[in-house]
Amino acid sequence: MKRDGDREKGHDHRLVDENMIVLKMRIQELRMRDQENQAAPSNGWMEWENELCKNYDSDVYEAIGFLQILLMNTRPILVMGVVALIMCSTSTSLVIVLFYLLGIVM
């Protein structure tokens, strides 16, 4: 029952991990705000490209943070299974595409 003793002393490791993610996300948001003030979009871009460019990094970091939080709340074996499934399906798709390309070339 050492685990119960740790909780009584205030050592809830999962809470620390979740708070660390939030801290990293906040630090990244501050860094991105600094970069936004420094970066100027190209003159040849359309208006919608300029808008997407401003928010691109924050959108990517927000998606990665959401994925990280989601995966932390999931059983590790399930996460490994999903990653293995994605890797196998990507490899299989690549092999099929290469097979068809070789068939076209020959």
PDB file of N, CA and C in Angstrom:
ATOM      1  N   MET A   1       0.816  -1.199   0.000  1.00  0.00           N
ATOM      2  CA  MET A   1       0.000   0.000   0.000  1.00  0.00           C
ATOM      3  C   MET A   1       0.856   1.258   0.000  1.00  0.00           C
ATOM      4  N   LYS A   2       2.033   1.130  -0.535  1.00  0.00           N
ATOM      5  CA  LYS A   2       2.911   2.286  -0.633  1.00  0.00           C
ATOM      6  C   LYS A   2       2.283   3.377  -1.490  1.00  0.00           C
ATOM      7  N   ARG A   3       1.521   2.966  -2.478  1.00  0.00           N
ATOM      8  CA  ARG A   3       0.903   3.930  -3.379  1.00  0.00           C
ATOM      9  C   ARG A   3      -0.073   4.832  -2.623  1.00  0.00           C
ATOM     10  N   ASP A   4      -0.843   4.270  -1.704  1.00  0.00           N
ATOM     11  CA  ASP A   4      -1.755   5.086  -0.905  1.00  0.00           C
ATOM     12  C   ASP A   4      -0.982   6.056  -0.033  1.00  0.00           C
ATOM     13  N   GLY A   5       0.163   5.610   0.483  1.00  0.00           N
ATOM     14  CA  GLY A   5       0.987   6.491   1.299  1.00  0.00           C
ATOM     15  C   GLY A   5       1.527   7.660   0.506  1.00  0.00           C
ATOM     16  N   ASP A   6       1.883   7.410  -0.745  1.00  0.00           N
ATOM     17  CA  ASP A   6       2.375   8.492  -1.604  1.00  0.00           C
ATOM     18  C   ASP A   6       1.290   9.525  -1.857  1.00  0.00           C
ATOM     19  N   ARG A   7       0.066   9.075  -2.038  1.00  0.00           N
ATOM     20  CA  ARG A   7      -1.027  10.015  -2.298  1.00  0.00           C
ATOM     21  C   ARG A   7      -1.319  10.867  -1.069  1.00  0.00           C
ATOM     22  N   GLU A   8      -1.194  10.255   0.098  1.00  0.00           N
ATOM     23  CA  GLU A   8      -1.446  11.020   1.320  1.00  0.00           C
ATOM     24  C   GLU A   8      -0.395  12.112   1.498  1.00  0.00           C
ATOM     25  N   LYS A   9       0.815  11.875   1.025  1.00  0.00           N
ATOM     26  CA  LYS A   9       1.886  12.860   1.145  1.00  0.00           C
ATOM     27  C   LYS A   9       1.817  13.924   0.053  1.00  0.00           C
ATOM     28  N   GLY A  10       0.875  13.776  -0.878  1.00  0.00           N
ATOM     29  CA  GLY A  10       0.732  14.764  -1.940  1.00  0.00           C
ATOM     30  C   GLY A  10       1.528  14.444  -3.185  1.00  0.00           C
ATOM     31  N   HIS A  11       1.887  13.187  -3.389  1.00  0.00           N
ATOM     32  CA  HIS A  11       2.677  12.781  -4.553  1.00  0.00           C
ATOM     33  C   HIS A  11       1.770  12.115  -5.581  1.00  0.00           C
ATOM     34  N   ASP A  12       0.936  12.882  -6.216  1.00  0.00           N
ATOM     35  CA  ASP A  12       0.093  12.333  -7.270  1.00  0.00           C
ATOM     36  C   ASP A  12       0.791  12.586  -8.600  1.00  0.00           C
ATOM     37  N   HIS A  13       1.498  11.571  -9.095  1.00  0.00           N
ATOM     38  CA  HIS A  13       2.364  11.724 -10.265  1.00  0.00           C
ATOM     39  C   HIS A  13       1.581  12.038 -11.532  1.00  0.00           C
ATOM     40  N   ARG A  14       0.389  11.502 -11.654  1.00  0.00           N
ATOM     41  CA  ARG A  14      -0.401  11.762 -12.857  1.00  0.00           C
ATOM     42  C   ARG A  14      -0.776  13.237 -12.943  1.00  0.00           C
ATOM     43  N   LEU A  15      -1.118  13.821 -11.828  1.00  0.00           N
ATOM     44  CA  LEU A  15      -1.457  15.237 -11.802  1.00  0.00           C
ATOM     45  C   LEU A  15      -0.254  16.081 -12.205  1.00  0.00           C
ATOM     46  N   VAL A  16       0.920  15.684 -11.752  1.00  0.00           N
ATOM     47  CA  VAL A  16       2.144  16.404 -12.110  1.00  0.00           C
ATOM     48  C   VAL A  16       2.384  16.308 -13.611  1.00  0.00           C
ATOM     49  N   ASP A  17       2.194  15.118 -14.197  1.00  0.00           N
ATOM     50  CA  ASP A  17       2.382  14.943 -15.637  1.00  0.00           C
ATOM     51  C   ASP A  17       1.419  15.819 -16.425  1.00  0.00           C
ATOM     52  N   GLU A  18       0.157  15.859 -16.012  1.00  0.00           N
ATOM     53  CA  GLU A  18      -0.834  16.668 -16.719  1.00  0.00           C
ATOM     54  C   GLU A  18      -0.513  18.154 -16.595  1.00  0.00           C
ATOM     55  N   ASN A  19      -0.075  18.579 -15.418  1.00  0.00           N
ATOM     56  CA  ASN A  19       0.280  19.984 -15.231  1.00  0.00           C
ATOM     57  C   ASN A  19       1.525  20.351 -16.033  1.00  0.00           C
ATOM     58  N   MET A  20       2.442  19.404 -16.198  1.00  0.00           N
ATOM     59  CA  MET A  20       3.638  19.655 -16.995  1.00  0.00           C
ATOM     60  C   MET A  20       3.264  19.898 -18.451  1.00  0.00           C
ATOM     61  N   ILE A  21       2.286  19.150 -18.956  1.00  0.00           N
ATOM     62  CA  ILE A  21       1.824  19.349 -20.333  1.00  0.00           C
ATOM     63  C   ILE A  21       1.234  20.737 -20.485  1.00  0.00           C
ATOM     64  N   VAL A  22       0.418  21.145 -19.531  1.00  0.00           N
ATOM     65  CA  VAL A  22      -0.196  22.477 -19.588  1.00  0.00           C
ATOM     66  C   VAL A  22       0.887  23.551 -19.554  1.00  0.00           C
ATOM     67  N   LEU A  23       1.887  23.370 -18.712  1.00  0.00           N
ATOM     68  CA  LEU A  23       2.984  24.333 -18.625  1.00  0.00           C
ATOM     69  C   LEU A  23       3.742  24.426 -19.951  1.00  0.00           C
ATOM     70  N   LYS A  24       4.041  23.276 -20.558  1.00  0.00           N
ATOM     71  CA  LYS A  24       4.739  23.278 -21.842  1.00  0.00           C
ATOM     72  C   LYS A  24       3.910  23.976 -22.912  1.00  0.00           C
ATOM     73  N   MET A  25       2.598  23.751 -22.906  1.00  0.00           N
ATOM     74  CA  MET A  25       1.732  24.396 -23.896  1.00  0.00           C
ATOM     75  C   MET A  25       1.721  25.908 -23.699  1.00  0.00           C
ATOM     76  N   ARG A  26       1.687  26.374 -22.458  1.00  0.00           N
ATOM     77  CA  ARG A  26       1.689  27.818 -22.193  1.00  0.00           C
ATOM     78  C   ARG A  26       3.009  28.461 -22.614  1.00  0.00           C
ATOM     79  N   ILE A  27       4.113  27.783 -22.335  1.00  0.00           N
ATOM     80  CA  ILE A  27       5.417  28.297 -22.756  1.00  0.00           C
ATOM     81  C   ILE A  27       5.474  28.382 -24.273  1.00  0.00           C
ATOM     82  N   GLN A  28       4.966  27.354 -24.943  1.00  0.00           N
ATOM     83  CA  GLN A  28       4.973  27.357 -26.404  1.00  0.00           C
ATOM     84  C   GLN A  28       4.101  28.475 -26.955  1.00  0.00           C
ATOM     85  N   GLU A  29       2.957  28.738 -26.326  1.00  0.00           N
ATOM     86  CA  GLU A  29       2.092  29.840 -26.765  1.00  0.00           C
ATOM     87  C   GLU A  29       2.817  31.181 -26.664  1.00  0.00           C
ATOM     88  N   LEU A  30       3.555  31.383 -25.580  1.00  0.00           N
ATOM     89  CA  LEU A  30       4.308  32.626 -25.428  1.00  0.00           C
ATOM     90  C   LEU A  30       5.400  32.749 -26.487  1.00  0.00           C
ATOM     91  N   ARG A  31       6.086  31.661 -26.769  1.00  0.00           N
ATOM     92  CA  ARG A  31       7.117  31.689 -27.808  1.00  0.00           C
ATOM     93  C   ARG A  31       6.504  32.002 -29.170  1.00  0.00           C
ATOM     94  N   MET A  32       5.341  31.438 -29.423  1.00  0.00           N
ATOM     95  CA  MET A  32       4.694  31.670 -30.712  1.00  0.00           C
ATOM     96  C   MET A  32       4.223  33.112 -30.847  1.00  0.00           C
ATOM     97  N   ARG A  33       3.760  33.704 -29.771  1.00  0.00           N
ATOM     98  CA  ARG A  33       3.366  35.115 -29.825  1.00  0.00           C
ATOM     99  C   ARG A  33       4.563  35.993 -30.180  1.00  0.00           C
ATOM    100  N   ASP A  34       5.717  35.659 -29.620  1.00  0.00           N
ATOM    101  CA  ASP A  34       6.931  36.404 -29.957  1.00  0.00           C
ATOM    102  C   ASP A  34       7.288  36.231 -31.431  1.00  0.00           C
ATOM    103  N   GLN A  35       7.157  35.021 -31.942  1.00  0.00           N
ATOM    104  CA  GLN A  35       7.468  34.760 -33.343  1.00  0.00           C
ATOM    105  C   GLN A  35       6.481  35.456 -34.267  1.00  0.00           C
ATOM    106  N   GLU A  36       5.213  35.519 -33.879  1.00  0.00           N
ATOM    107  CA  GLU A  36       4.203  36.179 -34.707  1.00  0.00           C
ATOM    108  C   GLU A  36       4.519  37.660 -34.865  1.00  0.00           C
ATOM    109  N   ASN A  37       5.028  38.262 -33.813  1.00  0.00           N
ATOM    110  CA  ASN A  37       5.364  39.682 -33.886  1.00  0.00           C
ATOM    111  C   ASN A  37       6.566  39.921 -34.800  1.00  0.00           C
ATOM    112  N   GLN A  38       7.434  38.921 -34.938  1.00  0.00           N
ATOM    113  CA  GLN A  38       8.640  39.079 -35.746  1.00  0.00           C
ATOM    114  C   GLN A  38       8.430  38.676 -37.202  1.00  0.00           C
ATOM    115  N   ALA A  39       7.583  37.682 -37.453  1.00  0.00           N
ATOM    116  CA  ALA A  39       7.423  37.149 -38.806  1.00  0.00           C
ATOM    117  C   ALA A  39       6.429  37.976 -39.607  1.00  0.00           C
ATOM    118  N   ALA A  40       6.817  38.297 -40.830  1.00  0.00           N
ATOM    119  CA  ALA A  40       5.923  39.031 -41.734  1.00  0.00           C
ATOM    120  C   ALA A  40       5.621  38.146 -42.938  1.00  0.00           C
ATOM    121  N   PRO A  41       4.352  38.012 -43.323  1.00  0.00           N
ATOM    122  CA  PRO A  41       4.008  37.160 -44.462  1.00  0.00           C
ATOM    123  C   PRO A  41       4.479  37.770 -45.779  1.00  0.00           C
ATOM    124  N   SER A  42       4.600  36.929 -46.766  1.00  0.00           N
ATOM    125  CA  SER A  42       5.058  37.359 -48.087  1.00  0.00           C
ATOM    126  C   SER A  42       3.998  38.217 -48.775  1.00  0.00           C
ATOM    127  N   ASN A  43       4.442  39.155 -49.610  1.00  0.00           N
ATOM    128  CA  ASN A  43       3.513  40.034 -50.322  1.00  0.00           C
ATOM    129  C   ASN A  43       2.747  39.306 -51.413  1.00  0.00           C
ATOM    130  N   GLY A  44       3.298  38.217 -51.949  1.00  0.00           N
ATOM    131  CA  GLY A  44       2.654  37.495 -53.029  1.00  0.00           C
ATOM    132  C   GLY A  44       1.561  36.544 -52.575  1.00  0.00           C
ATOM    133  N   TRP A  45       1.338  36.446 -51.284  1.00  0.00           N
ATOM    134  CA  TRP A  45       0.342  35.518 -50.770  1.00  0.00           C
ATOM    135  C   TRP A  45      -1.043  36.134 -50.821  1.00  0.00           C
ATOM    136  N   MET A  46      -2.029  35.249 -50.902  1.00  0.00           N
ATOM    137  CA  MET A  46      -3.420  35.702 -50.848  1.00  0.00           C
ATOM    138  C   MET A  46      -3.798  35.955 -49.391  1.00  0.00           C
ATOM    139  N   GLU A  47      -4.932  36.608 -49.185  1.00  0.00           N
ATOM    140  CA  GLU A  47      -5.343  36.977 -47.827  1.00  0.00           C
ATOM    141  C   GLU A  47      -5.572  35.752 -46.949  1.00  0.00           C
ATOM    142  N   TRP A  48      -6.224  34.719 -47.493  1.00  0.00           N
ATOM    143  CA  TRP A  48      -6.501  33.531 -46.686  1.00  0.00           C
ATOM    144  C   TRP A  48      -5.208  32.805 -46.318  1.00  0.00           C
ATOM    145  N   GLU A  49      -4.179  32.881 -47.181  1.00  0.00           N
ATOM    146  CA  GLU A  49      -2.896  32.270 -46.854  1.00  0.00           C
ATOM    147  C   GLU A  49      -2.214  33.012 -45.707  1.00  0.00           C
ATOM    148  N   ASN A  50      -2.323  34.329 -45.713  1.00  0.00           N
ATOM    149  CA  ASN A  50      -1.756  35.116 -44.616  1.00  0.00           C
ATOM    150  C   ASN A  50      -2.429  34.775 -43.293  1.00  0.00           C
ATOM    151  N   GLU A  51      -3.750  34.615 -43.306  1.00  0.00           N
ATOM    152  CA  GLU A  51      -4.479  34.282 -42.078  1.00  0.00           C
ATOM    153  C   GLU A  51      -4.094  32.895 -41.569  1.00  0.00           C
ATOM    154  N   LEU A  52      -3.997  31.931 -42.478  1.00  0.00           N
ATOM    155  CA  LEU A  52      -3.623  30.580 -42.069  1.00  0.00           C
ATOM    156  C   LEU A  52      -2.182  30.520 -41.581  1.00  0.00           C
ATOM    157  N   CYS A  53      -1.319  31.301 -42.196  1.00  0.00           N
ATOM    158  CA  CYS A  53       0.089  31.317 -41.804  1.00  0.00           C
ATOM    159  C   CYS A  53       0.253  31.823 -40.372  1.00  0.00           C
ATOM    160  N   LYS A  54      -0.541  32.817 -40.002  1.00  0.00           N
ATOM    161  CA  LYS A  54      -0.455  33.375 -38.648  1.00  0.00           C
ATOM    162  C   LYS A  54      -0.811  32.335 -37.598  1.00  0.00           C
ATOM    163  N   ASN A  55      -1.794  31.499 -37.890  1.00  0.00           N
ATOM    164  CA  ASN A  55      -2.305  30.555 -36.898  1.00  0.00           C
ATOM    165  C   ASN A  55      -1.779  29.141 -37.077  1.00  0.00           C
ATOM    166  N   TYR A  56      -0.960  28.904 -38.084  1.00  0.00           N
ATOM    167  CA  TYR A  56      -0.538  27.539 -38.393  1.00  0.00           C
ATOM    168  C   TYR A  56       0.194  26.881 -37.225  1.00  0.00           C
ATOM    169  N   ASP A  57       1.210  27.537 -36.705  1.00  0.00           N
ATOM    170  CA  ASP A  57       1.993  26.946 -35.616  1.00  0.00           C
ATOM    171  C   ASP A  57       1.131  26.693 -34.390  1.00  0.00           C
ATOM    172  N   SER A  58       0.294  27.651 -34.026  1.00  0.00           N
ATOM    173  CA  SER A  58      -0.548  27.463 -32.846  1.00  0.00           C
ATOM    174  C   SER A  58      -1.538  26.326 -33.060  1.00  0.00           C
ATOM    175  N   ASP A  59      -2.071  26.190 -34.274  1.00  0.00           N
ATOM    176  CA  ASP A  59      -2.997  25.093 -34.558  1.00  0.00           C
ATOM    177  C   ASP A  59      -2.303  23.743 -34.456  1.00  0.00           C
ATOM    178  N   VAL A  60      -1.088  23.662 -34.975  1.00  0.00           N
ATOM    179  CA  VAL A  60      -0.342  22.407 -34.913  1.00  0.00           C
ATOM    180  C   VAL A  60      -0.011  22.055 -33.464  1.00  0.00           C
ATOM    181  N   TYR A  61       0.480  23.030 -32.696  1.00  0.00           N
ATOM    182  CA  TYR A  61       0.821  22.755 -31.300  1.00  0.00           C
ATOM    183  C   TYR A  61      -0.421  22.413 -30.476  1.00  0.00           C
ATOM    184  N   GLU A  62      -1.528  23.038 -30.779  1.00  0.00           N
ATOM    185  CA  GLU A  62      -2.770  22.728 -30.076  1.00  0.00           C
ATOM    186  C   GLU A  62      -3.217  21.300 -30.385  1.00  0.00           C
ATOM    187  N   ALA A  63      -3.107  20.885 -31.639  1.00  0.00           N
ATOM    188  CA  ALA A  63      -3.482  19.523 -32.023  1.00  0.00           C
ATOM    189  C   ALA A  63      -2.561  18.497 -31.367  1.00  0.00           C
ATOM    190  N   ILE A  64      -1.266  18.775 -31.343  1.00  0.00           N
ATOM    191  CA  ILE A  64      -0.312  17.857 -30.713  1.00  0.00           C
ATOM    192  C   ILE A  64      -0.561  17.786 -29.205  1.00  0.00           C
ATOM    193  N   GLY A  65      -0.841  18.921 -28.586  1.00  0.00           N
ATOM    194  CA  GLY A  65      -1.151  18.925 -27.155  1.00  0.00           C
ATOM    195  C   GLY A  65      -2.403  18.137 -26.848  1.00  0.00           C
ATOM    196  N   PHE A  66      -3.435  18.298 -27.686  1.00  0.00           N
ATOM    197  CA  PHE A  66      -4.673  17.535 -27.503  1.00  0.00           C
ATOM    198  C   PHE A  66      -4.401  16.047 -27.655  1.00  0.00           C
ATOM    199  N   LEU A  67      -3.624  15.674 -28.670  1.00  0.00           N
ATOM    200  CA  LEU A  67      -3.286  14.273 -28.886  1.00  0.00           C
ATOM    201  C   LEU A  67      -2.490  13.715 -27.711  1.00  0.00           C
ATOM    202  N   GLN A  68      -1.572  14.501 -27.174  1.00  0.00           N
ATOM    203  CA  GLN A  68      -0.762  14.050 -26.044  1.00  0.00           C
ATOM    204  C   GLN A  68      -1.636  13.823 -24.811  1.00  0.00           C
ATOM    205  N   ILE A  69      -2.551  14.735 -24.541  1.00  0.00           N
ATOM    206  CA  ILE A  69      -3.445  14.575 -23.392  1.00  0.00           C
ATOM    207  C   ILE A  69      -4.347  13.365 -23.589  1.00  0.00           C
ATOM    208  N   LEU A  70      -4.859  13.191 -24.809  1.00  0.00           N
ATOM    209  CA  LEU A  70      -5.722  12.054 -25.109  1.00  0.00           C
ATOM    210  C   LEU A  70      -4.977  10.744 -24.911  1.00  0.00           C
ATOM    211  N   LEU A  71      -3.742  10.676 -25.385  1.00  0.00           N
ATOM    212  CA  LEU A  71      -2.969   9.445 -25.266  1.00  0.00           C
ATOM    213  C   LEU A  71      -2.542   9.172 -23.827  1.00  0.00           C
ATOM    214  N   MET A  72      -2.350  10.218 -23.025  1.00  0.00           N
ATOM    215  CA  MET A  72      -1.981  10.004 -21.621  1.00  0.00           C
ATOM    216  C   MET A  72      -3.135   9.409 -20.829  1.00  0.00           C
ATOM    217  N   ASN A  73      -4.361   9.659 -21.260  1.00  0.00           N
ATOM    218  CA  ASN A  73      -5.531   9.135 -20.562  1.00  0.00           C
ATOM    219  C   ASN A  73      -5.961   7.778 -21.106  1.00  0.00           C
ATOM    220  N   THR A  74      -5.192   7.208 -22.020  1.00  0.00           N
ATOM    221  CA  THR A  74      -5.518   5.933 -22.641  1.00  0.00           C
ATOM    222  C   THR A  74      -4.525   4.888 -22.154  1.00  0.00           C
ATOM    223  N   ARG A  75      -4.980   3.649 -22.140  1.00  0.00           N
ATOM    224  CA  ARG A  75      -4.090   2.562 -21.738  1.00  0.00           C
ATOM    225  C   ARG A  75      -2.920   2.455 -22.717  1.00  0.00           C
ATOM    226  N   PRO A  76      -1.718   2.213 -22.203  1.00  0.00           N
ATOM    227  CA  PRO A  76      -0.531   2.172 -23.070  1.00  0.00           C
ATOM    228  C   PRO A  76      -0.618   1.117 -24.171  1.00  0.00           C
ATOM    229  N   ILE A  77      -1.190  -0.045 -23.882  1.00  0.00           N
ATOM    230  CA  ILE A  77      -1.257  -1.101 -24.892  1.00  0.00           C
ATOM    231  C   ILE A  77      -2.167  -0.689 -26.044  1.00  0.00           C
ATOM    232  N   LEU A  78      -3.225   0.058 -25.751  1.00  0.00           N
ATOM    233  CA  LEU A  78      -4.116   0.542 -26.803  1.00  0.00           C
ATOM    234  C   LEU A  78      -3.399   1.553 -27.694  1.00  0.00           C
ATOM    235  N   VAL A  79      -2.631   2.436 -27.078  1.00  0.00           N
ATOM    236  CA  VAL A  79      -1.864   3.427 -27.843  1.00  0.00           C
ATOM    237  C   VAL A  79      -0.855   2.722 -28.743  1.00  0.00           C
ATOM    238  N   MET A  80      -0.140   1.735 -28.201  1.00  0.00           N
ATOM    239  CA  MET A  80       0.837   1.007 -29.013  1.00  0.00           C
ATOM    240  C   MET A  80       0.153   0.264 -30.151  1.00  0.00           C
ATOM    241  N   GLY A  81      -1.030  -0.280 -29.894  1.00  0.00           N
ATOM    242  CA  GLY A  81      -1.777  -0.971 -30.939  1.00  0.00           C
ATOM    243  C   GLY A  81      -2.199  -0.038 -32.055  1.00  0.00           C
ATOM    244  N   VAL A  82      -2.674   1.154 -31.705  1.00  0.00           N
ATOM    245  CA  VAL A  82      -3.083   2.131 -32.718  1.00  0.00           C
ATOM    246  C   VAL A  82      -1.875   2.580 -33.537  1.00  0.00           C
ATOM    247  N   VAL A  83      -0.756   2.840 -32.879  1.00  0.00           N
ATOM    248  CA  VAL A  83       0.461   3.246 -33.596  1.00  0.00           C
ATOM    249  C   VAL A  83       0.922   2.129 -34.530  1.00  0.00           C
ATOM    250  N   ALA A  84       0.890   0.885 -34.061  1.00  0.00           N
ATOM    251  CA  ALA A  84       1.288  -0.245 -34.908  1.00  0.00           C
ATOM    252  C   ALA A  84       0.349  -0.385 -36.101  1.00  0.00           C
ATOM    253  N   LEU A  85      -0.946  -0.203 -35.880  1.00  0.00           N
ATOM    254  CA  LEU A  85      -1.919  -0.282 -36.971  1.00  0.00           C
ATOM    255  C   LEU A  85      -1.659   0.791 -38.023  1.00  0.00           C
ATOM    256  N   ILE A  86      -1.391   2.004 -37.581  1.00  0.00           N
ATOM    257  CA  ILE A  86      -1.102   3.096 -38.520  1.00  0.00           C
ATOM    258  C   ILE A  86       0.182   2.809 -39.293  1.00  0.00           C
ATOM    259  N   MET A  87       1.201   2.315 -38.604  1.00  0.00           N
ATOM    260  CA  MET A  87       2.463   2.015 -39.284  1.00  0.00           C
ATOM    261  C   MET A  87       2.283   0.913 -40.319  1.00  0.00           C
ATOM    262  N   CYS A  88       1.533  -0.135 -39.967  1.00  0.00           N
ATOM    263  CA  CYS A  88       1.311  -1.235 -40.914  1.00  0.00           C
ATOM    264  C   CYS A  88       0.485  -0.782 -42.109  1.00  0.00           C
ATOM    265  N   SER A  89      -0.554  -0.007 -41.859  1.00  0.00           N
ATOM    266  CA  SER A  89      -1.402   0.427 -42.974  1.00  0.00           C
ATOM    267  C   SER A  89      -0.648   1.387 -43.890  1.00  0.00           C
ATOM    268  N   THR A  90       0.183   2.240 -43.313  1.00  0.00           N
ATOM    269  CA  THR A  90       0.978   3.157 -44.132  1.00  0.00           C
ATOM    270  C   THR A  90       1.986   2.381 -44.973  1.00  0.00           C
ATOM    271  N   SER A  91       2.636   1.405 -44.380  1.00  0.00           N
ATOM    272  CA  SER A  91       3.615   0.596 -45.113  1.00  0.00           C
ATOM    273  C   SER A  91       2.936  -0.179 -46.232  1.00  0.00           C
ATOM    274  N   THR A  92       1.784  -0.762 -45.940  1.00  0.00           N
ATOM    275  CA  THR A  92       1.055  -1.529 -46.943  1.00  0.00           C
ATOM    276  C   THR A  92       0.621  -0.636 -48.096  1.00  0.00           C
ATOM    277  N   SER A  93       0.106   0.529 -47.789  1.00  0.00           N
ATOM    278  CA  SER A  93      -0.317   1.464 -48.836  1.00  0.00           C
ATOM    279  C   SER A  93       0.863   1.869 -49.706  1.00  0.00           C
ATOM    280  N   LEU A  94       1.994   2.119 -49.083  1.00  0.00           N
ATOM    281  CA  LEU A  94       3.190   2.511 -49.827  1.00  0.00           C
ATOM    282  C   LEU A  94       3.638   1.393 -50.758  1.00  0.00           C
ATOM    283  N   VAL A  95       3.617   0.160 -50.291  1.00  0.00           N
ATOM    284  CA  VAL A  95       4.019  -0.980 -51.122  1.00  0.00           C
ATOM    285  C   VAL A  95       3.070  -1.124 -52.309  1.00  0.00           C
ATOM    286  N   ILE A  96       1.774  -0.984 -52.078  1.00  0.00           N
ATOM    287  CA  ILE A  96       0.796  -1.102 -53.168  1.00  0.00           C
ATOM    288  C   ILE A  96       1.007  -0.002 -54.199  1.00  0.00           C
ATOM    289  N   VAL A  97       1.212   1.221 -53.761  1.00  0.00           N
ATOM    290  CA  VAL A  97       1.445   2.331 -54.695  1.00  0.00           C
ATOM    291  C   VAL A  97       2.719   2.088 -55.499  1.00  0.00           C
ATOM    292  N   LEU A  98       3.792   1.665 -54.842  1.00  0.00           N
ATOM    293  CA  LEU A  98       5.037   1.382 -55.562  1.00  0.00           C
ATOM    294  C   LEU A  98       4.859   0.247 -56.564  1.00  0.00           C
ATOM    295  N   PHE A  99       4.084  -0.769 -56.201  1.00  0.00           N
ATOM    296  CA  PHE A  99       3.817  -1.886 -57.104  1.00  0.00           C
ATOM    297  C   PHE A  99       3.117  -1.402 -58.366  1.00  0.00           C
ATOM    298  N   TYR A 100       2.094  -0.552 -58.209  1.00  0.00           N
ATOM    299  CA  TYR A 100       1.380  -0.016 -59.366  1.00  0.00           C
ATOM    300  C   TYR A 100       2.271   0.901 -60.202  1.00  0.00           C
ATOM    301  N   LEU A 101       3.102   1.697 -59.556  1.00  0.00           N
ATOM    302  CA  LEU A 101       4.013   2.569 -60.303  1.00  0.00           C
ATOM    303  C   LEU A 101       5.017   1.757 -61.118  1.00  0.00           C
ATOM    304  N   LEU A 102       5.539   0.685 -60.536  1.00  0.00           N
ATOM    305  CA  LEU A 102       6.452  -0.183 -61.284  1.00  0.00           C
ATOM    306  C   LEU A 102       5.734  -0.840 -62.453  1.00  0.00           C
ATOM    307  N   GLY A 103       4.478  -1.203 -62.265  1.00  0.00           N
ATOM    308  CA  GLY A 103       3.690  -1.790 -63.354  1.00  0.00           C
ATOM    309  C   GLY A 103       3.476  -0.809 -64.487  1.00  0.00           C
ATOM    310  N   ILE A 104       3.277   0.462 -64.158  1.00  0.00           N
ATOM    311  CA  ILE A 104       3.079   1.485 -65.182  1.00  0.00           C
ATOM    312  C   ILE A 104       4.379   1.736 -65.941  1.00  0.00           C
ATOM    313  N   VAL A 105       5.494   1.790 -65.233  1.00  0.00           N
ATOM    314  CA  VAL A 105       6.785   2.069 -65.852  1.00  0.00           C
ATOM    315  C   VAL A 105       7.202   0.929 -66.774  1.00  0.00           C
ATOM    316  N   MET A 106       6.976  -0.292 -66.371  1.00  0.00           N
ATOM    317  CA  MET A 106       7.402  -1.443 -67.176  1.00  0.00           C
ATOM    318  C   MET A 106       6.325  -1.727 -68.164  1.00  0.00           C
TER     319      MET A 106
END
